[in-house]
Amino acid sequence: MGDIDQFIPLLHLEARKQDFESAPSVIWLSDGGRGFWRVYRTLFSHCAVAVLDFFHAAGHLARATKAMFGDARSAQAQAWFRRWRHQLRHGQHLLVLRSLTMLIHSQLFTGKSFTTLLQVQAYFQRHLRHIQYRHFEQLQIPLGSGMVESACKWLIQQRFKGVGMGSMSPLHSN
């Protein structure tokens, strides 16, 4: 389908065919894939509620935890990660952001650890409107894209593993 710039007009055409602007609600649920948020800003920011996939966001918290402790498997690192993940999930996203901001200003971290913390903090700052998970849950908006990914995987498997869809070797064809 080409690169993201070639994909945008195709998606826009399909969205128009589906009459997305007359839908009662439009949800943009996305991970941090390269260019996805530009697609949202280009096509849907005027009409869609945007949600950053929660599990993707939690992955960024895991990166920050590893940067802080060097090893994300220690009990102390796991406790930080669980607390941050719980706060993020239950409407305390500003507390998570404030904590990350304090860490980067603490002068406790240098080099790669500092860079990672800075990147994670900037990421959450950039997605502040997209990480309000408690609010989204109250609106009955899905928080993760796993359901869609699972459906896509299932559909592809059905297509390629269905009756008569198996691969045939040229040596065995009629």
Foldseek 3Di string as FASTA:
>chain_A
DDDPVVVLVVVLVVCVVVVVQPDPAAEAEEEPPPPSVVSCVVHPPVGHQYAHQLVNLLVLLLLLLCLVVVDCPDPVSVVSSVVLSVCLQAQNLVVSLVVLVCVLVVPPHDDPSSVSSVVSSVVCVVCVSRRRNNVCVVVVHDRHCVVVVVVVVVVVCCQCVPVPNDDDDPVPDD
